[in-house]
C-alpha atoms as a PDB file:
ATOM      1  CA  UNK A   1      29.564  18.505  -0.044  1.00  0.00           C
ATOM      2  CA  UNK A   2      27.310  21.517  -0.138  1.00  0.00           C
ATOM      3  CA  UNK A   3      24.216  22.153  -2.561  1.00  0.00           C
ATOM      4  CA  UNK A   4      22.262  25.035  -3.138  1.00  0.00           C
ATOM      5  CA  UNK A   5      18.900  24.138  -4.228  1.00  0.00           C
ATOM      6  CA  UNK A   6      17.468  26.612  -6.609  1.00  0.00           C
ATOM      7  CA  UNK A   7      13.625  27.103  -7.504  1.00  0.00           C
ATOM      8  CA  UNK A   8      12.488  24.431 -10.042  1.00  0.00           C
ATOM      9  CA  UNK A   9      15.736  22.454  -9.771  1.00  0.00           C
ATOM     10  CA  UNK A  10      15.791  18.470  -9.537  1.00  0.00           C
ATOM     11  CA  UNK A  11      18.803  16.371  -8.542  1.00  0.00           C
ATOM     12  CA  UNK A  12      19.552  12.661  -8.536  1.00  0.00           C
ATOM     13  CA  UNK A  13      16.593  10.303  -9.039  1.00  0.00           C
ATOM     14  CA  UNK A  14      14.028  13.291  -9.670  1.00  0.00           C
ATOM     15  CA  UNK A  15      15.899  14.881 -12.430  1.00  0.00           C
ATOM     16  CA  UNK A  16      14.882  12.080 -14.604  1.00  0.00           C
ATOM     17  CA  UNK A  17      11.624  11.226 -13.267  1.00  0.00           C
ATOM     18  CA  UNK A  18       8.526  13.268 -13.201  1.00  0.00           C
ATOM     19  CA  UNK A  19       7.177  13.122  -9.695  1.00  0.00           C
ATOM     20  CA  UNK A  20       3.366  14.120 -10.395  1.00  0.00           C
ATOM     21  CA  UNK A  21       2.043  10.664  -9.789  1.00  0.00           C
ATOM     22  CA  UNK A  22       4.076  10.178  -6.785  1.00  0.00           C
ATOM     23  CA  UNK A  23       2.577  13.064  -4.894  1.00  0.00           C
ATOM     24  CA  UNK A  24      -1.201  12.407  -5.582  1.00  0.00           C
ATOM     25  CA  UNK A  25      -3.194  12.222  -2.468  1.00  0.00           C
ATOM     26  CA  UNK A  26      -4.006   8.587  -1.064  1.00  0.00           C
ATOM     27  CA  UNK A  27      -7.803   8.763  -1.747  1.00  0.00           C
ATOM     28  CA  UNK A  28     -10.283   5.728  -1.817  1.00  0.00           C
ATOM     29  CA  UNK A  29     -13.936   5.039  -1.768  1.00  0.00           C
ATOM     30  CA  UNK A  30     -15.522   3.392   1.350  1.00  0.00           C
ATOM     31  CA  UNK A  31     -18.542   3.732   3.416  1.00  0.00           C
ATOM     32  CA  UNK A  32     -19.362   5.928   6.418  1.00  0.00           C
ATOM     33  CA  UNK A  33     -22.438   4.664   8.372  1.00  0.00           C
ATOM     34  CA  UNK A  34     -23.556   2.852   5.259  1.00  0.00           C
ATOM     35  CA  UNK A  35     -23.243   5.902   3.136  1.00  0.00           C
ATOM     36  CA  UNK A  36     -20.774   6.181   0.222  1.00  0.00           C
ATOM     37  CA  UNK A  37     -17.997   8.490   1.104  1.00  0.00           C
ATOM     38  CA  UNK A  38     -14.481   9.640  -0.071  1.00  0.00           C
ATOM     39  CA  UNK A  39     -11.712   8.722   2.322  1.00  0.00           C
ATOM     40  CA  UNK A  40      -8.347  10.491   2.522  1.00  0.00           C
ATOM     41  CA  UNK A  41      -5.626   8.110   4.150  1.00  0.00           C
ATOM     42  CA  UNK A  42      -3.065  10.514   5.427  1.00  0.00           C
ATOM     43  CA  UNK A  43       0.144   9.261   7.159  1.00  0.00           C
ATOM     44  CA  UNK A  44       1.179  12.682   8.110  1.00  0.00           C
ATOM     45  CA  UNK A  45      -1.965  13.362  10.284  1.00  0.00           C
ATOM     46  CA  UNK A  46      -1.981  12.330  13.872  1.00  0.00           C
ATOM     47  CA  UNK A  47      -5.909  12.362  14.159  1.00  0.00           C
ATOM     48  CA  UNK A  48      -8.809  11.487  12.030  1.00  0.00           C
ATOM     49  CA  UNK A  49     -11.314  14.261  11.166  1.00  0.00           C
ATOM     50  CA  UNK A  50     -14.851  13.876   9.621  1.00  0.00           C
ATOM     51  CA  UNK A  51     -16.172  16.797   7.693  1.00  0.00           C
ATOM     52  CA  UNK A  52     -19.060  18.339   9.700  1.00  0.00           C
ATOM     53  CA  UNK A  53     -21.251  18.824   6.549  1.00  0.00           C
ATOM     54  CA  UNK A  54     -21.003  14.931   6.112  1.00  0.00           C
ATOM     55  CA  UNK A  55     -21.557  14.494   9.762  1.00  0.00           C
ATOM     56  CA  UNK A  56     -24.954  16.200   9.368  1.00  0.00           C
ATOM     57  CA  UNK A  57     -25.913  14.428   6.230  1.00  0.00           C
ATOM     58  CA  UNK A  58     -25.569  10.909   7.757  1.00  0.00           C
ATOM     59  CA  UNK A  59     -26.931  11.917  11.185  1.00  0.00           C
ATOM     60  CA  UNK A  60     -23.925  11.519  13.390  1.00  0.00           C
ATOM     61  CA  UNK A  61     -24.444  12.437  16.964  1.00  0.00           C
ATOM     62  CA  UNK A  62     -21.522  14.744  17.935  1.00  0.00           C
ATOM     63  CA  UNK A  63     -20.327  15.060  21.448  1.00  0.00           C
ATOM     64  CA  UNK A  64     -19.527  18.720  21.727  1.00  0.00           C
ATOM     65  CA  UNK A  65     -17.909  18.520  25.216  1.00  0.00           C
ATOM     66  CA  UNK A  66     -14.572  17.662  23.496  1.00  0.00           C
ATOM     67  CA  UNK A  67     -12.512  19.976  21.486  1.00  0.00           C
ATOM     68  CA  UNK A  68      -9.077  19.874  19.816  1.00  0.00           C
ATOM     69  CA  UNK A  69      -6.915  22.455  18.329  1.00  0.00           C
ATOM     70  CA  UNK A  70      -5.388  21.355  14.988  1.00  0.00           C
ATOM     71  CA  UNK A  71      -2.869  22.433  12.407  1.00  0.00           C
ATOM     72  CA  UNK A  72      -2.060  21.241   8.864  1.00  0.00           C
ATOM     73  CA  UNK A  73      -5.481  21.640   7.315  1.00  0.00           C
ATOM     74  CA  UNK A  74      -5.709  25.136   5.539  1.00  0.00           C
ATOM     75  CA  UNK A  75      -3.494  28.020   6.312  1.00  0.00           C
ATOM     76  CA  UNK A  76      -4.271  28.765   9.814  1.00  0.00           C
ATOM     77  CA  UNK A  77      -4.827  26.486  12.986  1.00  0.00           C
ATOM     78  CA  UNK A  78      -8.667  25.590  13.781  1.00  0.00           C
ATOM     79  CA  UNK A  79     -10.625  23.827  16.405  1.00  0.00           C
ATOM     80  CA  UNK A  80     -12.337  20.573  15.786  1.00  0.00           C
ATOM     81  CA  UNK A  81     -15.502  20.797  17.949  1.00  0.00           C
ATOM     82  CA  UNK A  82     -16.608  17.374  19.066  1.00  0.00           C
ATOM     83  CA  UNK A  83     -16.280  13.773  18.558  1.00  0.00           C
ATOM     84  CA  UNK A  84     -18.395  10.975  16.949  1.00  0.00           C
ATOM     85  CA  UNK A  85     -18.443   7.281  16.775  1.00  0.00           C
ATOM     86  CA  UNK A  86     -18.268   6.040  13.056  1.00  0.00           C
ATOM     87  CA  UNK A  87     -19.091   2.714  11.073  1.00  0.00           C
ATOM     88  CA  UNK A  88     -16.476   2.594   8.447  1.00  0.00           C
ATOM     89  CA  UNK A  89     -16.476  -0.029   5.828  1.00  0.00           C
ATOM     90  CA  UNK A  90     -13.498  -0.864   3.522  1.00  0.00           C
ATOM     91  CA  UNK A  91     -13.122  -3.287   0.712  1.00  0.00           C
ATOM     92  CA  UNK A  92     -17.007  -3.962   0.757  1.00  0.00           C
ATOM     93  CA  UNK A  93     -16.874  -6.176   3.772  1.00  0.00           C
ATOM     94  CA  UNK A  94     -14.220  -5.079   6.420  1.00  0.00           C
ATOM     95  CA  UNK A  95     -16.118  -2.902   8.992  1.00  0.00           C
ATOM     96  CA  UNK A  96     -14.617  -0.804  11.626  1.00  0.00           C
ATOM     97  CA  UNK A  97     -16.201   1.116  14.450  1.00  0.00           C
ATOM     98  CA  UNK A  98     -14.169   4.070  15.305  1.00  0.00           C
ATOM     99  CA  UNK A  99     -14.317   7.491  17.200  1.00  0.00           C
ATOM    100  CA  UNK A 100     -13.180  10.605  15.149  1.00  0.00           C
ATOM    101  CA  UNK A 101     -13.070  14.266  15.510  1.00  0.00           C
ATOM    102  CA  UNK A 102     -15.516  16.498  13.644  1.00  0.00           C
ATOM    103  CA  UNK A 103     -14.437  19.581  12.038  1.00  0.00           C
ATOM    104  CA  UNK A 104     -14.722  22.341   9.279  1.00  0.00           C
ATOM    105  CA  UNK A 105     -14.667  21.088   5.578  1.00  0.00           C
ATOM    106  CA  UNK A 106     -11.631  18.921   5.028  1.00  0.00           C
ATOM    107  CA  UNK A 107     -10.709  20.032   1.404  1.00  0.00           C
ATOM    108  CA  UNK A 108     -12.518  17.554  -1.074  1.00  0.00           C
ATOM    109  CA  UNK A 109     -12.918  14.462   1.129  1.00  0.00           C
ATOM    110  CA  UNK A 110     -15.534  13.399   3.640  1.00  0.00           C
ATOM    111  CA  UNK A 111     -13.142  11.841   6.134  1.00  0.00           C
ATOM    112  CA  UNK A 112      -9.298  12.252   6.776  1.00  0.00           C
ATOM    113  CA  UNK A 113      -7.992   9.057   8.373  1.00  0.00           C
ATOM    114  CA  UNK A 114      -4.858   9.527  10.285  1.00  0.00           C
ATOM    115  CA  UNK A 115      -2.331   7.283  12.076  1.00  0.00           C
ATOM    116  CA  UNK A 116      -4.716   6.953  14.911  1.00  0.00           C
ATOM    117  CA  UNK A 117      -6.970   4.786  12.755  1.00  0.00           C
ATOM    118  CA  UNK A 118      -4.398   3.289  10.263  1.00  0.00           C
ATOM    119  CA  UNK A 119      -2.138   1.628  12.752  1.00  0.00           C
ATOM    120  CA  UNK A 120      -4.734  -0.089  14.911  1.00  0.00           C
ATOM    121  CA  UNK A 121      -6.705  -1.124  11.816  1.00  0.00           C
ATOM    122  CA  UNK A 122      -3.592  -2.560  10.342  1.00  0.00           C
ATOM    123  CA  UNK A 123      -3.591  -0.508   7.138  1.00  0.00           C
ATOM    124  CA  UNK A 124      -0.580   0.214   4.825  1.00  0.00           C
ATOM    125  CA  UNK A 125       0.002   2.562   1.853  1.00  0.00           C
ATOM    126  CA  UNK A 126       1.516   0.857  -1.161  1.00  0.00           C
ATOM    127  CA  UNK A 127       2.007   4.020  -3.256  1.00  0.00           C
ATOM    128  CA  UNK A 128       4.193   2.217  -5.831  1.00  0.00           C
ATOM    129  CA  UNK A 129       1.250  -0.149  -6.664  1.00  0.00           C
ATOM    130  CA  UNK A 130      -1.352   2.618  -5.915  1.00  0.00           C
ATOM    131  CA  UNK A 131      -3.224   0.677  -3.316  1.00  0.00           C
ATOM    132  CA  UNK A 132      -4.237   0.484   0.127  1.00  0.00           C
ATOM    133  CA  UNK A 133      -3.342  -2.768   1.837  1.00  0.00           C
ATOM    134  CA  UNK A 134      -5.740  -3.992   4.522  1.00  0.00           C
ATOM    135  CA  UNK A 135      -5.516  -7.013   6.904  1.00  0.00           C
ATOM    136  CA  UNK A 136      -4.942 -10.388   5.224  1.00  0.00           C
ATOM    137  CA  UNK A 137      -3.185  -8.679   2.087  1.00  0.00           C
ATOM    138  CA  UNK A 138      -6.685  -7.336   0.896  1.00  0.00           C
ATOM    139  CA  UNK A 139      -6.169  -4.322  -1.357  1.00  0.00           C
ATOM    140  CA  UNK A 140      -8.121  -1.400  -2.421  1.00  0.00           C
ATOM    141  CA  UNK A 141      -7.139   0.630  -5.330  1.00  0.00           C
ATOM    142  CA  UNK A 142      -6.608   4.283  -4.791  1.00  0.00           C
ATOM    143  CA  UNK A 143      -8.711   6.857  -6.589  1.00  0.00           C
ATOM    144  CA  UNK A 144      -7.088   7.963  -9.898  1.00  0.00           C
ATOM    145  CA  UNK A 145      -4.457   5.371  -9.969  1.00  0.00           C
ATOM    146  CA  UNK A 146      -4.014   2.183 -12.060  1.00  0.00           C
ATOM    147  CA  UNK A 147      -2.252  -0.959 -10.710  1.00  0.00           C
ATOM    148  CA  UNK A 148       1.472  -0.729 -11.514  1.00  0.00           C
ATOM    149  CA  UNK A 149       1.371  -4.261 -12.852  1.00  0.00           C
ATOM    150  CA  UNK A 150      -1.968  -4.326 -14.866  1.00  0.00           C
ATOM    151  CA  UNK A 151      -4.091  -7.259 -15.603  1.00  0.00           C
ATOM    152  CA  UNK A 152      -1.373  -8.832 -17.750  1.00  0.00           C
ATOM    153  CA  UNK A 153       0.962  -9.284 -14.754  1.00  0.00           C
ATOM    154  CA  UNK A 154       0.457 -11.622 -11.691  1.00  0.00           C
ATOM    155  CA  UNK A 155       2.549 -11.067  -8.632  1.00  0.00           C
ATOM    156  CA  UNK A 156       3.812 -13.973  -6.481  1.00  0.00           C
ATOM    157  CA  UNK A 157       4.082 -13.597  -2.714  1.00  0.00           C
ATOM    158  CA  UNK A 158       5.758 -15.784  -0.205  1.00  0.00           C
ATOM    159  CA  UNK A 159       2.425 -16.379   1.609  1.00  0.00           C
ATOM    160  CA  UNK A 160       3.821 -17.879   4.487  1.00  0.00           C
ATOM    161  CA  UNK A 161       5.643 -16.562   7.490  1.00  0.00           C
ATOM    162  CA  UNK A 162       8.975 -18.424   8.009  1.00  0.00           C
ATOM    163  CA  UNK A 163      12.469 -18.385   9.614  1.00  0.00           C
ATOM    164  CA  UNK A 164      15.213 -19.457   7.593  1.00  0.00           C
ATOM    165  CA  UNK A 165      18.650 -20.710   9.084  1.00  0.00           C
ATOM    166  CA  UNK A 166      21.891 -19.542   7.641  1.00  0.00           C
ATOM    167  CA  UNK A 167      22.529 -21.449   4.133  1.00  0.00           C
ATOM    168  CA  UNK A 168      19.082 -22.931   4.174  1.00  0.00           C
ATOM    169  CA  UNK A 169      16.135 -22.163   1.900  1.00  0.00           C
ATOM    170  CA  UNK A 170      12.461 -21.404   1.975  1.00  0.00           C
ATOM    171  CA  UNK A 171      10.430 -22.845  -0.965  1.00  0.00           C
ATOM    172  CA  UNK A 172       7.628 -21.241  -2.901  1.00  0.00           C
ATOM    173  CA  UNK A 173       5.697 -23.212  -5.479  1.00  0.00           C
ATOM    174  CA  UNK A 174       5.337 -21.059  -8.718  1.00  0.00           C
ATOM    175  CA  UNK A 175       2.149 -22.449 -10.407  1.00  0.00           C
ATOM    176  CA  UNK A 176       1.828 -21.085 -13.856  1.00  0.00           C
ATOM    177  CA  UNK A 177      -1.667 -20.055 -15.040  1.00  0.00           C
ATOM    178  CA  UNK A 178      -3.196 -21.831 -18.264  1.00  0.00           C
ATOM    179  CA  UNK A 179      -1.406 -19.313 -20.803  1.00  0.00           C
ATOM    180  CA  UNK A 180       1.625 -21.067 -21.990  1.00  0.00           C
ATOM    181  CA  UNK A 181       2.901 -17.376 -22.963  1.00  0.00           C
ATOM    182  CA  UNK A 182       3.766 -16.492 -19.382  1.00  0.00           C
ATOM    183  CA  UNK A 183       7.285 -15.542 -18.434  1.00  0.00           C
ATOM    184  CA  UNK A 184       8.754 -15.377 -15.065  1.00  0.00           C
ATOM    185  CA  UNK A 185      10.457 -12.518 -13.531  1.00  0.00           C
ATOM    186  CA  UNK A 186      12.170 -12.759 -10.212  1.00  0.00           C
ATOM    187  CA  UNK A 187      13.807 -10.527  -7.628  1.00  0.00           C
ATOM    188  CA  UNK A 188      16.299 -11.020  -4.619  1.00  0.00           C
ATOM    189  CA  UNK A 189      16.548  -9.548  -1.297  1.00  0.00           C
ATOM    190  CA  UNK A 190      19.507  -8.015   0.792  1.00  0.00           C
ATOM    191  CA  UNK A 191      19.933 -11.105   2.515  1.00  0.00           C
ATOM    192  CA  UNK A 192      18.563 -13.932   0.357  1.00  0.00           C
ATOM    193  CA  UNK A 193      18.979 -14.960  -3.294  1.00  0.00           C
ATOM    194  CA  UNK A 194      16.376 -16.732  -5.454  1.00  0.00           C
ATOM    195  CA  UNK A 195      16.907 -19.960  -7.343  1.00  0.00           C
ATOM    196  CA  UNK A 196      14.405 -21.438  -9.909  1.00  0.00           C
ATOM    197  CA  UNK A 197      14.130 -25.256  -9.995  1.00  0.00           C
ATOM    198  CA  UNK A 198      11.751 -27.614 -12.104  1.00  0.00           C
ATOM    199  CA  UNK A 199       8.948 -29.511 -10.668  1.00  0.00           C
ATOM    200  CA  UNK A 200       6.282 -31.922 -12.008  1.00  0.00           C
ATOM    201  CA  UNK A 201       4.753 -30.709 -15.118  1.00  0.00           C
ATOM    202  CA  UNK A 202       4.573 -26.885 -15.708  1.00  0.00           C
ATOM    203  CA  UNK A 203       5.152 -26.450 -11.808  1.00  0.00           C
ATOM    204  CA  UNK A 204       8.420 -24.751 -10.893  1.00  0.00           C
ATOM    205  CA  UNK A 205       9.745 -23.916  -7.358  1.00  0.00           C
ATOM    206  CA  UNK A 206      11.579 -20.788  -6.149  1.00  0.00           C
ATOM    207  CA  UNK A 207      14.109 -21.397  -3.447  1.00  0.00           C
ATOM    208  CA  UNK A 208      14.874 -18.409  -1.376  1.00  0.00           C
ATOM    209  CA  UNK A 209      18.268 -18.933   0.265  1.00  0.00           C
ATOM    210  CA  UNK A 210      19.540 -17.014   3.366  1.00  0.00           C
ATOM    211  CA  UNK A 211      22.966 -15.801   2.436  1.00  0.00           C
ATOM    212  CA  UNK A 212      23.438 -13.616   5.696  1.00  0.00           C
ATOM    213  CA  UNK A 213      25.384 -14.740   8.916  1.00  0.00           C
ATOM    214  CA  UNK A 214      22.170 -15.092  10.970  1.00  0.00           C
ATOM    215  CA  UNK A 215      18.780 -16.459  10.984  1.00  0.00           C
ATOM    216  CA  UNK A 216      16.383 -14.662   8.426  1.00  0.00           C
ATOM    217  CA  UNK A 217      12.830 -13.655   9.038  1.00  0.00           C
ATOM    218  CA  UNK A 218      10.528 -13.636   5.827  1.00  0.00           C
ATOM    219  CA  UNK A 219       7.016 -12.299   6.090  1.00  0.00           C
ATOM    220  CA  UNK A 220       4.079 -13.787   4.019  1.00  0.00           C
ATOM    221  CA  UNK A 221       3.474 -10.489   2.101  1.00  0.00           C
ATOM    222  CA  UNK A 222       7.176 -10.658   0.631  1.00  0.00           C
ATOM    223  CA  UNK A 223       6.960 -10.238  -3.181  1.00  0.00           C
ATOM    224  CA  UNK A 224       9.241 -12.743  -4.715  1.00  0.00           C
ATOM    225  CA  UNK A 225       8.356 -12.925  -8.437  1.00  0.00           C
ATOM    226  CA  UNK A 226       5.946 -11.919 -11.008  1.00  0.00           C
ATOM    227  CA  UNK A 227       4.354 -13.762 -14.108  1.00  0.00           C
ATOM    228  CA  UNK A 228       4.400 -11.639 -17.390  1.00  0.00           C
ATOM    229  CA  UNK A 229       2.268 -12.204 -20.362  1.00  0.00           C
ATOM    230  CA  UNK A 230       3.666 -12.518 -23.907  1.00  0.00           C
ATOM    231  CA  UNK A 231       6.643 -10.395 -24.852  1.00  0.00           C
ATOM    232  CA  UNK A 232       6.436  -8.034 -21.817  1.00  0.00           C
ATOM    233  CA  UNK A 233       9.431  -7.291 -19.687  1.00  0.00           C
ATOM    234  CA  UNK A 234       9.660  -6.489 -15.890  1.00  0.00           C
ATOM    235  CA  UNK A 235       9.386  -2.835 -15.708  1.00  0.00           C
ATOM    236  CA  UNK A 236       9.507  -2.647 -11.893  1.00  0.00           C
ATOM    237  CA  UNK A 237      12.907  -2.129 -10.415  1.00  0.00           C
ATOM    238  CA  UNK A 238      14.775  -5.149  -9.105  1.00  0.00           C
ATOM    239  CA  UNK A 239      13.191  -7.773 -11.254  1.00  0.00           C
ATOM    240  CA  UNK A 240      14.676  -9.632 -13.989  1.00  0.00           C
ATOM    241  CA  UNK A 241      13.497 -12.407 -16.473  1.00  0.00           C
ATOM    242  CA  UNK A 242      14.735 -15.977 -15.598  1.00  0.00           C
ATOM    243  CA  UNK A 243      17.809 -16.660 -17.638  1.00  0.00           C
ATOM    244  CA  UNK A 244      18.668 -12.914 -17.781  1.00  0.00           C
ATOM    245  CA  UNK A 245      22.376 -12.326 -17.328  1.00  0.00           C
ATOM    246  CA  UNK A 246      21.754  -9.107 -15.189  1.00  0.00           C
END
């Protein structure tokens, strides 16, 4: 099949969904050397670059004996002239000490954090939820983004790393909050299916059964269910209310 893509045309999923929100930059507020700063988390950047004006503002010592030719910021290549060591604070309490390049103005943010920082720092971008996920599943909301789930919805994670043999199940406790109006929405994976069972009182259990032909590894940050307030219905793809025929 051959397709000619014309200007302004959208096909498939994007024919019916407006992409504006999806393409916003992943920015968040943190601190650089204890000074409030705007950070851009750029998974397409190989290196991290500090705005030279901000470097002067916070009194960074810059080692000018090192230079780097850069592309991708602005219309033409430019040279980052020097490196400096920063104290970067995220989430109010997580502190990193990291060496970055120093260059010309970076276009509206004080620091671009590339993959040279995000990989060793254990940082993931969750653009669907509009958040940055730090180690131990601590999350920072991206600037200009609201949580996909809101305060009326509580996510349920596996919260343990486990290996499940073929035909066996991992168990998750579903503890309802005080509200009696909460409804449960569940999802499934490519290699596991959920079963909800009753426990004592309002407690319920979710069994994740391995339906593949090999041992299954499940990670602690796996989303397995959501609690919904009142008459809300799951609006996240892949979730259905318990008892649904879908």
